[in-house]
């Protein structure tokens, strides 16, 4: 057995096929990595004995030739608002410390059916909203531990970036998969809203929520996405485990204007401009497109989020004893209590008009390219418990229901990752991933797993 540990899910699966590595070898290695990386605070729940037992069964299945699932023996981390039968799912809140689900969330049941095993449950902000989690502590960025890892799927992004997990699931209501992916230097995909069931996942805002994968590469992300869905999807070739490439000459990419982006960190803007230049150089049609007023859309998105979040939690928040909920979370969603039905409906009508605006853009363009965030990860000391301003460019995909992916594009002068975002028309995940693979190849940028020294 090898002691050279593959970096990607694809490499792991090929190593399992060649018997260069067994699931048990990998699980033992990851258990040591998780223990060594405790300072990152990625995990809310980790059971080494359970992990090794599941890995041992997967190894026996592979050695007997009976194990045919695509993900057989691959350990995955799940954000701790996703139910796994018999394991606590806190959603980052003291309110749910004693909540132990009796059924798996369908997305996890599907991944298990494809052979995945549970590595652990990852830390997040309380009910997936805000900057840090004051109850369970801040997750640290493995690229620079005194910097913000992105929220709310903080633990999932940091665990993948640190090499503690080959892949992970997160949830995304305004950027909560893509922001940690960008800040930690991995790939994160928010699928089309409604593509996967949200049963067994604690909601933040039901009309905006989505569940999706984080992984080291675009191909790994495609493998996980394929395995989350029932039946063959045709995104990944099962024999070679290769993602089907997109023909660049057939790809039409829309660009936001520099004015629309606003006050972007110069290094982030330069990376985005270079990405556009390189895509154009290989034959993509790249041109500027008129996008709707970002700040107006964000204000409506925030109103809908808070109204839906408060409605879900209203009964618990109205109890005389509010000690279960964190103060920051209560204050964050409290404005939702003042949203009238008329205001909410007007917001949804505005959202429909915004979707129609993007529908007209997607008649001419296949994708829209933006930076994932306006800046790289800020220092933890500057973020506190509030939500940092990092979702200005990611929330739109949730607002219009489109799939969007963040791909590492480079680093700033401090070595902090820069993410590039592609947004596609609804249900265009295959095209989006093929284009993301081109972007990944053209930027030629991949970070090795980083960890606290």
Protein backbone atom coordinates (compact mmCIF):
# COMPACT_ATOMS: atom_id res chain seq x y z
CA UNK A 1 0.00 0.00 0.00
CA UNK A 2 1.14 3.50 -0.83
CA UNK A 3 2.02 6.21 1.66
CA UNK A 4 1.68 8.91 -1.01
CA UNK A 5 -1.79 10.27 -0.46
CA UNK A 6 -3.82 11.29 -3.53
CA UNK A 7 -5.01 14.90 -3.47
CA UNK A 8 -8.29 14.49 -5.35
CA UNK A 9 -11.36 12.25 -5.24
CA UNK A 10 -10.66 11.08 -8.79
CA UNK A 11 -7.11 10.06 -7.81
CA UNK A 12 -8.44 8.23 -4.74
CA UNK A 13 -10.97 6.26 -6.76
CA UNK A 14 -8.37 5.28 -9.35
CA UNK A 15 -5.98 4.25 -6.54
CA UNK A 16 -8.74 2.06 -5.03
CA UNK A 17 -9.29 0.41 -8.43
CA UNK A 18 -5.57 -0.34 -8.80
CA UNK A 19 -5.42 -1.48 -5.17
CA UNK A 20 -2.61 1.02 -4.53
CA UNK A 21 -4.65 2.22 -1.59
CA UNK A 22 -7.53 0.85 0.44
CA UNK A 23 -10.42 2.75 2.06
CA UNK A 24 -9.10 1.62 5.45
CA UNK A 25 -5.63 3.04 4.72
CA UNK A 26 -7.24 6.32 3.73
CA UNK A 27 -9.53 6.44 6.76
CA UNK A 28 -6.61 5.85 9.14
CA UNK A 29 -4.66 8.64 7.43
CA UNK A 30 -7.60 11.06 7.58
CA UNK A 31 -8.24 10.28 11.24
CA UNK A 32 -4.70 11.41 12.00
CA UNK A 33 -5.16 14.51 9.85
CA UNK A 34 -8.38 15.46 11.63
CA UNK A 35 -6.69 15.12 15.01
CA UNK A 36 -3.69 17.16 13.85
CA UNK A 37 -5.99 19.87 12.43
CA UNK A 38 -8.16 20.41 15.49
CA UNK A 39 -7.02 24.03 15.75
CA UNK A 40 -9.00 24.77 12.58
CA UNK A 41 -12.25 23.87 14.41
CA UNK A 42 -13.71 22.29 11.26
CA UNK A 43 -15.70 19.50 12.90
CA UNK A 44 -18.67 19.42 15.28
CA UNK A 45 -18.77 15.60 15.31
CA UNK A 46 -16.09 13.05 14.52
CA UNK A 47 -16.05 9.39 15.57
CA UNK A 48 -12.83 7.63 14.61
CA UNK A 49 -14.08 4.16 15.56
CA UNK A 50 -17.17 4.51 13.38
CA UNK A 51 -15.12 5.85 10.47
CA UNK A 52 -12.65 2.97 10.64
CA UNK A 53 -15.42 0.39 10.93
CA UNK A 54 -17.16 1.74 7.81
CA UNK A 55 -13.84 1.92 5.95
CA UNK A 56 -13.04 -1.67 6.93
CA UNK A 57 -16.37 -2.84 5.48
CA UNK A 58 -15.73 -0.88 2.28
CA UNK A 59 -12.26 -2.42 1.99
CA UNK A 60 -13.66 -5.93 2.42
CA UNK A 61 -16.26 -5.20 -0.26
CA UNK A 62 -13.64 -3.99 -2.71
CA UNK A 63 -11.32 -6.91 -2.05
CA UNK A 64 -14.16 -9.40 -2.61
CA UNK A 65 -15.12 -7.70 -5.86
CA UNK A 66 -18.68 -7.13 -4.61
CA UNK A 67 -18.35 -3.37 -4.17
CA UNK A 68 -19.45 -1.70 -7.42
CA UNK A 69 -20.55 1.75 -6.24
CA UNK A 70 -18.76 4.75 -7.76
CA UNK A 71 -17.79 6.29 -4.41
CA UNK A 72 -17.06 3.03 -2.61
CA UNK A 73 -14.96 3.84 0.47
CA UNK A 74 -14.66 7.62 -0.05
CA UNK A 75 -15.14 9.50 3.26
CA UNK A 76 -17.14 12.73 2.97
CA UNK A 77 -17.79 15.49 5.49
CA UNK A 78 -21.32 16.89 5.91
CA UNK A 79 -22.33 20.31 7.14
CA UNK A 80 -24.00 19.84 10.52
CA UNK A 81 -27.45 20.95 9.34
CA UNK A 82 -27.74 17.80 7.17
CA UNK A 83 -29.37 14.83 8.90
CA UNK A 84 -27.61 11.50 9.38
CA UNK A 85 -29.62 8.89 11.25
CA UNK A 86 -28.38 8.38 14.80
CA UNK A 87 -25.91 11.28 14.77
CA UNK A 88 -26.57 14.73 16.30
CA UNK A 89 -27.34 17.51 13.82
CA UNK A 90 -26.92 20.77 15.72
CA UNK A 91 -27.24 23.25 12.84
CA UNK A 92 -24.68 25.23 14.82
CA UNK A 93 -27.24 26.13 17.49
CA UNK A 94 -27.61 25.29 21.19
CA UNK A 95 -31.33 24.85 20.44
CA UNK A 96 -30.54 21.60 18.62
CA UNK A 97 -27.81 20.16 20.83
CA UNK A 98 -30.05 17.22 21.70
CA UNK A 99 -31.54 16.70 18.24
CA UNK A 100 -30.68 13.26 16.85
CA UNK A 101 -32.46 12.46 13.56
CA UNK A 102 -33.83 9.00 12.90
CA UNK A 103 -33.51 9.19 9.09
CA UNK A 104 -30.83 10.26 6.64
CA UNK A 105 -31.42 13.35 4.53
CA UNK A 106 -32.13 12.12 0.96
CA UNK A 107 -28.95 13.71 -0.42
CA UNK A 108 -26.85 11.78 2.07
CA UNK A 109 -28.86 8.58 1.52
CA UNK A 110 -28.08 8.86 -2.19
CA UNK A 111 -24.34 9.36 -1.60
CA UNK A 112 -24.33 6.39 0.79
CA UNK A 113 -26.02 4.31 -1.89
CA UNK A 114 -23.10 5.23 -4.17
CA UNK A 115 -20.65 3.93 -1.54
CA UNK A 116 -19.63 7.09 0.35
CA UNK A 117 -18.89 6.79 4.07
CA UNK A 118 -19.27 9.49 6.71
CA UNK A 119 -16.09 11.25 7.78
CA UNK A 120 -17.68 13.76 10.15
CA UNK A 121 -20.13 16.65 10.62
CA UNK A 122 -18.68 20.11 10.03
CA UNK A 123 -18.98 23.37 11.91
CA UNK A 124 -21.17 26.18 10.64
CA UNK A 125 -22.71 29.46 11.71
CA UNK A 126 -25.92 29.22 13.74
CA UNK A 127 -28.64 27.91 11.41
CA UNK A 128 -26.33 28.75 8.49
CA UNK A 129 -26.52 32.54 8.92
CA UNK A 130 -23.87 35.08 9.85
CA UNK A 131 -20.11 35.33 10.17
CA UNK A 132 -18.77 33.33 13.13
CA UNK A 133 -20.43 30.97 15.56
CA UNK A 134 -20.01 32.46 19.05
CA UNK A 135 -21.36 29.29 20.67
CA UNK A 136 -19.08 26.76 18.97
CA UNK A 137 -16.16 29.00 18.00
CA UNK A 138 -14.82 30.37 14.74
CA UNK A 139 -13.53 28.06 12.01
CA UNK A 140 -10.05 29.08 10.84
CA UNK A 141 -8.83 29.38 7.28
CA UNK A 142 -6.18 26.71 6.59
CA UNK A 143 -4.42 29.04 4.13
CA UNK A 144 -3.93 31.64 6.85
CA UNK A 145 -5.36 30.70 10.25
CA UNK A 146 -5.91 34.28 11.41
CA UNK A 147 -8.20 34.93 8.42
CA UNK A 148 -11.89 34.27 7.79
CA UNK A 149 -12.70 30.97 5.99
CA UNK A 150 -16.05 32.17 4.63
CA UNK A 151 -19.49 31.26 5.93
CA UNK A 152 -21.75 29.52 6.53
CA UNK A 153 -20.31 26.22 5.26
CA UNK A 154 -17.08 27.24 6.99
CA UNK A 155 -16.11 23.83 8.32
CA UNK A 156 -16.79 22.08 5.01
CA UNK A 157 -14.65 24.50 2.99
CA UNK A 158 -11.80 24.54 5.50
CA UNK A 159 -11.80 20.74 5.90
CA UNK A 160 -11.44 20.17 2.16
CA UNK A 161 -8.80 22.89 1.80
CA UNK A 162 -6.78 21.50 4.71
CA UNK A 163 -6.77 17.96 3.34
CA UNK A 164 -8.90 16.70 6.23
CA UNK A 165 -11.71 15.62 3.89
CA UNK A 166 -11.60 14.54 0.23
CA UNK A 167 -14.94 16.26 -0.31
CA UNK A 168 -17.86 17.73 1.60
CA UNK A 169 -21.45 18.88 1.36
CA UNK A 170 -22.61 22.37 2.26
CA UNK A 171 -25.74 24.45 1.94
CA UNK A 172 -26.05 27.77 0.15
CA UNK A 173 -28.66 30.51 0.61
CA UNK A 174 -26.65 33.50 -0.59
CA UNK A 175 -23.16 32.11 -1.18
CA UNK A 176 -22.53 29.76 1.73
CA UNK A 177 -20.86 27.10 -0.44
CA UNK A 178 -19.08 29.40 -2.88
CA UNK A 179 -17.68 31.93 -0.39
CA UNK A 180 -15.86 29.29 1.74
CA UNK A 181 -14.67 27.69 -1.50
CA UNK A 182 -13.28 31.02 -2.71
CA UNK A 183 -11.70 32.04 0.60
CA UNK A 184 -10.16 28.60 1.22
CA UNK A 185 -9.05 27.88 -2.36
CA UNK A 186 -11.26 24.93 -3.37
CA UNK A 187 -14.18 24.38 -5.76
CA UNK A 188 -17.76 24.86 -4.57
CA UNK A 189 -20.98 24.36 -6.53
CA UNK A 190 -24.46 25.66 -5.74
CA UNK A 191 -26.82 23.64 -7.96
CA UNK A 192 -30.07 24.89 -9.45
CA UNK A 193 -32.57 25.62 -6.69
CA UNK A 194 -34.79 22.56 -6.34
CA UNK A 195 -32.46 20.18 -8.17
CA UNK A 196 -31.94 18.18 -4.97
CA UNK A 197 -34.46 17.68 -2.15
CA UNK A 198 -33.91 19.68 1.02
CA UNK A 199 -35.72 17.20 3.25
CA UNK A 200 -33.66 16.43 6.34
CA UNK A 201 -31.76 19.73 6.08
CA UNK A 202 -32.54 22.51 8.53
CA UNK A 203 -33.68 25.46 6.40
CA UNK A 204 -32.48 29.03 6.52
CA UNK A 205 -34.78 30.41 3.79
CA UNK A 206 -36.67 27.72 1.90
CA UNK A 207 -37.12 29.59 -1.38
CA UNK A 208 -33.40 30.44 -1.58
CA UNK A 209 -31.70 27.34 -0.09
CA UNK A 210 -29.70 24.75 -2.04
CA UNK A 211 -27.37 21.87 -1.12
CA UNK A 212 -24.19 21.10 -3.03
CA UNK A 213 -20.59 19.80 -3.02
CA UNK A 214 -17.17 21.26 -2.21
CA UNK A 215 -14.06 19.47 -3.48
CA UNK A 216 -10.43 20.05 -4.52
CA UNK A 217 -11.12 20.20 -8.27
CA UNK A 218 -13.90 20.76 -10.78
CA UNK A 219 -13.83 17.08 -11.79
CA UNK A 220 -14.19 16.00 -8.15
CA UNK A 221 -17.13 18.37 -7.78
CA UNK A 222 -18.74 16.85 -10.87
CA UNK A 223 -18.25 13.33 -9.49
CA UNK A 224 -20.00 14.28 -6.25
CA UNK A 225 -22.81 16.08 -8.07
CA UNK A 226 -23.34 13.05 -10.30
CA UNK A 227 -23.48 10.76 -7.27
CA UNK A 228 -25.98 13.02 -5.46
CA UNK A 229 -28.54 12.40 -8.21
CA UNK A 230 -30.43 9.15 -8.83
CA UNK A 231 -29.65 7.47 -12.14
CA UNK A 232 -26.87 8.21 -14.63
CA UNK A 233 -26.51 11.89 -15.50
CA UNK A 234 -23.75 11.69 -18.11
CA UNK A 235 -21.62 14.50 -16.66
CA UNK A 236 -18.74 12.18 -15.73
CA UNK A 237 -17.48 9.17 -17.67
CA UNK A 238 -17.63 6.30 -15.18
CA UNK A 239 -14.77 4.36 -16.71
CA UNK A 240 -12.17 7.13 -16.73
CA UNK A 241 -13.86 9.25 -14.05
CA UNK A 242 -13.23 12.19 -16.38
CA UNK A 243 -15.48 15.22 -16.65
CA UNK A 244 -16.73 15.80 -20.17
CA UNK A 245 -15.02 18.93 -21.54
CA UNK A 246 -16.89 21.85 -23.04
CA UNK A 247 -16.00 23.00 -26.58
CA UNK A 248 -14.67 26.54 -26.01
CA UNK A 249 -15.70 27.77 -29.46
CA UNK A 250 -19.34 27.07 -28.64
CA UNK A 251 -19.24 28.85 -25.28
CA UNK A 252 -20.72 32.34 -24.84
CA UNK A 253 -19.61 34.09 -21.66
CA UNK A 254 -21.14 37.31 -20.35
CA UNK A 255 -19.13 39.76 -18.26
CA UNK A 256 -20.34 42.18 -15.66
CA UNK A 257 -19.04 45.73 -16.08
CA UNK A 258 -16.34 47.01 -13.74
CA UNK A 259 -18.86 49.63 -12.57
CA UNK A 260 -21.40 46.92 -11.69
CA UNK A 261 -18.78 45.05 -9.67
CA UNK A 262 -18.08 48.13 -7.58
CA UNK A 263 -15.20 48.42 -5.15
CA UNK A 264 -13.28 45.25 -6.04
CA UNK A 265 -9.86 44.48 -4.56
CA UNK A 266 -7.38 45.24 -7.39
CA UNK A 267 -5.82 41.75 -7.32
CA UNK A 268 -9.28 40.17 -7.52
CA UNK A 269 -10.25 42.41 -10.44
CA UNK A 270 -7.00 41.59 -12.24
CA UNK A 271 -7.58 37.84 -11.81
CA UNK A 272 -11.13 38.13 -13.19
CA UNK A 273 -9.95 40.18 -16.16
CA UNK A 274 -7.18 37.66 -16.88
CA UNK A 275 -9.71 34.81 -16.76
CA UNK A 276 -11.89 36.60 -19.31
CA UNK A 277 -8.88 37.24 -21.54
CA UNK A 278 -7.78 33.60 -21.45
CA UNK A 279 -11.26 32.28 -22.21
CA UNK A 280 -11.47 34.62 -25.17
CA UNK A 281 -8.03 33.49 -26.35
CA UNK A 282 -9.16 29.86 -26.63
CA UNK A 283 -12.21 30.76 -28.70
CA UNK A 284 -14.98 31.60 -26.24
CA UNK A 285 -17.27 34.47 -27.16
CA UNK A 286 -16.79 36.95 -24.31
CA UNK A 287 -18.68 40.22 -24.04
CA UNK A 288 -20.15 42.55 -21.47
CA UNK A 289 -23.82 42.08 -20.55
CA UNK A 290 -26.25 44.43 -18.75
CA UNK A 291 -26.94 43.07 -15.27
CA UNK A 292 -29.72 44.31 -12.96
CA UNK A 293 -29.07 46.70 -10.09
CA UNK A 294 -27.06 44.59 -7.66
CA UNK A 295 -27.84 46.54 -4.50
CA UNK A 296 -31.58 46.60 -5.13
CA UNK A 297 -31.60 42.85 -5.75
CA UNK A 298 -29.52 42.25 -2.60
CA UNK A 299 -31.90 44.28 -0.46
CA UNK A 300 -34.86 42.19 -1.64
CA UNK A 301 -32.87 38.95 -1.20
CA UNK A 302 -32.07 39.94 2.39
CA UNK A 303 -35.70 40.79 3.12
CA UNK A 304 -36.94 37.44 1.80
CA UNK A 305 -34.24 35.55 3.69
CA UNK A 306 -35.04 37.20 7.02
CA UNK A 307 -38.80 36.85 6.57
CA UNK A 308 -38.54 33.14 5.79
CA UNK A 309 -35.99 32.49 8.53
CA UNK A 310 -38.05 34.28 11.16
CA UNK A 311 -41.20 32.45 10.10
CA UNK A 312 -39.46 29.08 10.51
CA UNK A 313 -38.12 29.97 13.96
CA UNK A 314 -41.02 32.13 15.18
CA UNK A 315 -42.48 29.58 17.59
CA UNK A 316 -39.15 28.94 19.28
CA UNK A 317 -38.23 32.63 19.39
CA UNK A 318 -41.52 33.56 21.04
CA UNK A 319 -40.95 31.26 24.02
CA UNK A 320 -40.38 33.10 27.32
CA UNK A 321 -37.00 31.42 27.66
CA UNK A 322 -34.88 32.44 24.67
CA UNK A 323 -31.61 31.12 26.07
CA UNK A 324 -31.42 28.41 23.43
CA UNK A 325 -30.88 30.77 20.51
CA UNK A 326 -27.72 32.80 20.15
CA UNK A 327 -28.14 36.55 20.55
CA UNK A 328 -26.51 37.28 17.19
CA UNK A 329 -28.82 34.93 15.32
CA UNK A 330 -31.93 36.34 17.00
CA UNK A 331 -30.89 39.88 16.15
CA UNK A 332 -30.06 38.94 12.55
CA UNK A 333 -33.48 37.49 11.70
CA UNK A 334 -35.60 39.75 13.94
CA UNK A 335 -36.27 42.26 11.11
CA UNK A 336 -38.13 39.42 9.38
CA UNK A 337 -40.85 39.69 12.04
CA UNK A 338 -41.85 43.08 10.62
CA UNK A 339 -42.23 41.92 7.01
CA UNK A 340 -45.85 42.16 5.91
CA UNK A 341 -47.46 39.76 3.46
CA UNK A 342 -47.69 42.60 0.96
CA UNK A 343 -43.96 43.37 1.25
CA UNK A 344 -43.05 39.70 0.91
CA UNK A 345 -45.23 39.22 -2.18
CA UNK A 346 -43.85 42.37 -3.78
CA UNK A 347 -40.37 41.02 -3.14
CA UNK A 348 -41.21 37.75 -4.86
CA UNK A 349 -42.67 39.65 -7.81
CA UNK A 350 -39.47 41.69 -8.06
CA UNK A 351 -37.54 38.43 -7.93
CA UNK A 352 -39.62 37.08 -10.82
CA UNK A 353 -38.79 40.16 -12.91
CA UNK A 354 -35.09 39.67 -12.12
CA UNK A 355 -35.31 36.04 -13.28
CA UNK A 356 -36.88 37.26 -16.53
CA UNK A 357 -34.01 39.74 -16.95
CA UNK A 358 -31.50 36.91 -16.61
CA UNK A 359 -33.57 34.70 -18.90
CA UNK A 360 -33.06 37.29 -21.63
CA UNK A 361 -29.31 37.32 -20.89
CA UNK A 362 -29.14 33.52 -21.09
CA UNK A 363 -30.83 33.59 -24.50
CA UNK A 364 -27.66 35.27 -25.78
CA UNK A 365 -25.08 33.95 -23.31
CA UNK A 366 -24.46 30.53 -21.77
CA UNK A 367 -22.78 31.82 -18.60
CA UNK A 368 -21.91 34.94 -16.66
CA UNK A 369 -18.39 35.30 -15.24
CA UNK A 370 -17.71 37.36 -12.08
CA UNK A 371 -15.29 37.18 -9.19
CA UNK A 372 -16.78 35.03 -6.42
CA UNK A 373 -16.11 37.72 -3.80
CA UNK A 374 -15.07 41.36 -4.12
CA UNK A 375 -12.09 40.74 -1.82
CA UNK A 376 -9.99 37.87 -0.49
CA UNK A 377 -10.58 36.56 3.03
CA UNK A 378 -10.47 39.34 5.66
CA UNK A 379 -8.72 38.86 9.02
CA UNK A 380 -10.83 37.18 11.70
CA UNK A 381 -10.22 40.21 13.90
CA UNK A 382 -12.16 42.36 11.43
CA UNK A 383 -15.18 40.09 11.14
CA UNK A 384 -16.25 39.20 14.67
CA UNK A 385 -19.69 37.62 14.87
CA UNK A 386 -21.23 39.78 12.14
CA UNK A 387 -21.52 38.55 8.57
CA UNK A 388 -18.65 40.01 6.54
CA UNK A 389 -19.50 41.71 3.25
CA UNK A 390 -18.66 38.73 1.05
CA UNK A 391 -21.92 37.70 -0.64
CA UNK A 392 -22.40 40.77 -2.88
CA UNK A 393 -21.73 38.68 -6.01
CA UNK A 394 -22.91 35.23 -4.91
CA UNK A 395 -26.46 35.94 -3.69
CA UNK A 396 -27.74 36.52 -7.26
CA UNK A 397 -27.58 32.81 -8.17
CA UNK A 398 -29.87 31.98 -5.23
CA UNK A 399 -32.14 34.91 -6.06
CA UNK A 400 -32.71 33.71 -9.64
CA UNK A 401 -32.42 29.99 -8.83
CA UNK A 402 -29.46 29.35 -11.14
CA UNK A 403 -26.48 27.02 -10.67
CA UNK A 404 -23.17 28.72 -9.89
CA UNK A 405 -19.66 27.49 -9.23
CA UNK A 406 -16.56 29.02 -7.64
CA UNK A 407 -13.17 27.96 -9.04
CA UNK A 408 -9.77 29.02 -7.61
CA UNK A 409 -8.11 31.51 -9.95
CA UNK A 410 -5.03 32.71 -8.09
CA UNK A 411 -3.81 34.31 -4.88
CA UNK A 412 -3.27 37.84 -3.65
CA UNK A 413 0.10 39.10 -2.38
CA UNK A 414 -0.56 37.58 1.06
CA UNK A 415 -1.19 34.13 -0.39
CA UNK A 416 -4.96 34.27 0.12
CA UNK A 417 -7.01 32.53 -2.60
CA UNK A 418 -9.09 34.37 -5.21
CA UNK A 419 -12.27 32.69 -6.46
CA UNK A 420 -13.86 33.04 -9.91
CA UNK A 421 -17.62 32.49 -10.27
CA UNK A 422 -19.57 31.16 -13.24
CA UNK A 423 -23.38 31.47 -13.18
CA UNK A 424 -25.48 29.42 -15.64
CA UNK A 425 -29.09 29.14 -16.68
CA UNK A 426 -31.22 26.82 -14.50
CA UNK A 427 -30.50 23.09 -14.92
CA UNK A 428 -27.36 23.71 -16.98
CA UNK A 429 -25.01 21.97 -14.52
CA UNK A 430 -23.32 19.88 -17.21
CA UNK A 431 -22.45 22.94 -19.31
CA UNK A 432 -21.45 24.90 -16.21
CA UNK A 433 -19.05 22.18 -15.05
CA UNK A 434 -17.55 21.76 -18.52
CA UNK A 435 -16.92 25.51 -18.68
CA UNK A 436 -15.51 25.50 -15.14
CA UNK A 437 -13.07 22.79 -16.22
CA UNK A 438 -11.88 25.07 -19.03
CA UNK A 439 -11.49 27.92 -16.57
CA UNK A 440 -9.55 25.69 -14.16
CA UNK A 441 -7.26 24.53 -16.97
CA UNK A 442 -6.70 28.02 -18.37
CA UNK A 443 -5.90 29.63 -15.03
CA UNK A 444 -3.59 26.70 -14.23
CA UNK A 445 -4.09 27.27 -10.54
CA UNK A 446 -4.54 24.65 -7.84
CA UNK A 447 -3.61 24.82 -4.19
CA UNK A 448 -2.20 21.81 -2.36
CA UNK A 449 -3.91 21.05 0.92
CA UNK A 450 -2.89 23.61 3.52
CA UNK A 451 -3.02 23.25 7.26
CA UNK A 452 -2.15 25.08 10.45
CA UNK A 453 1.57 24.77 11.05
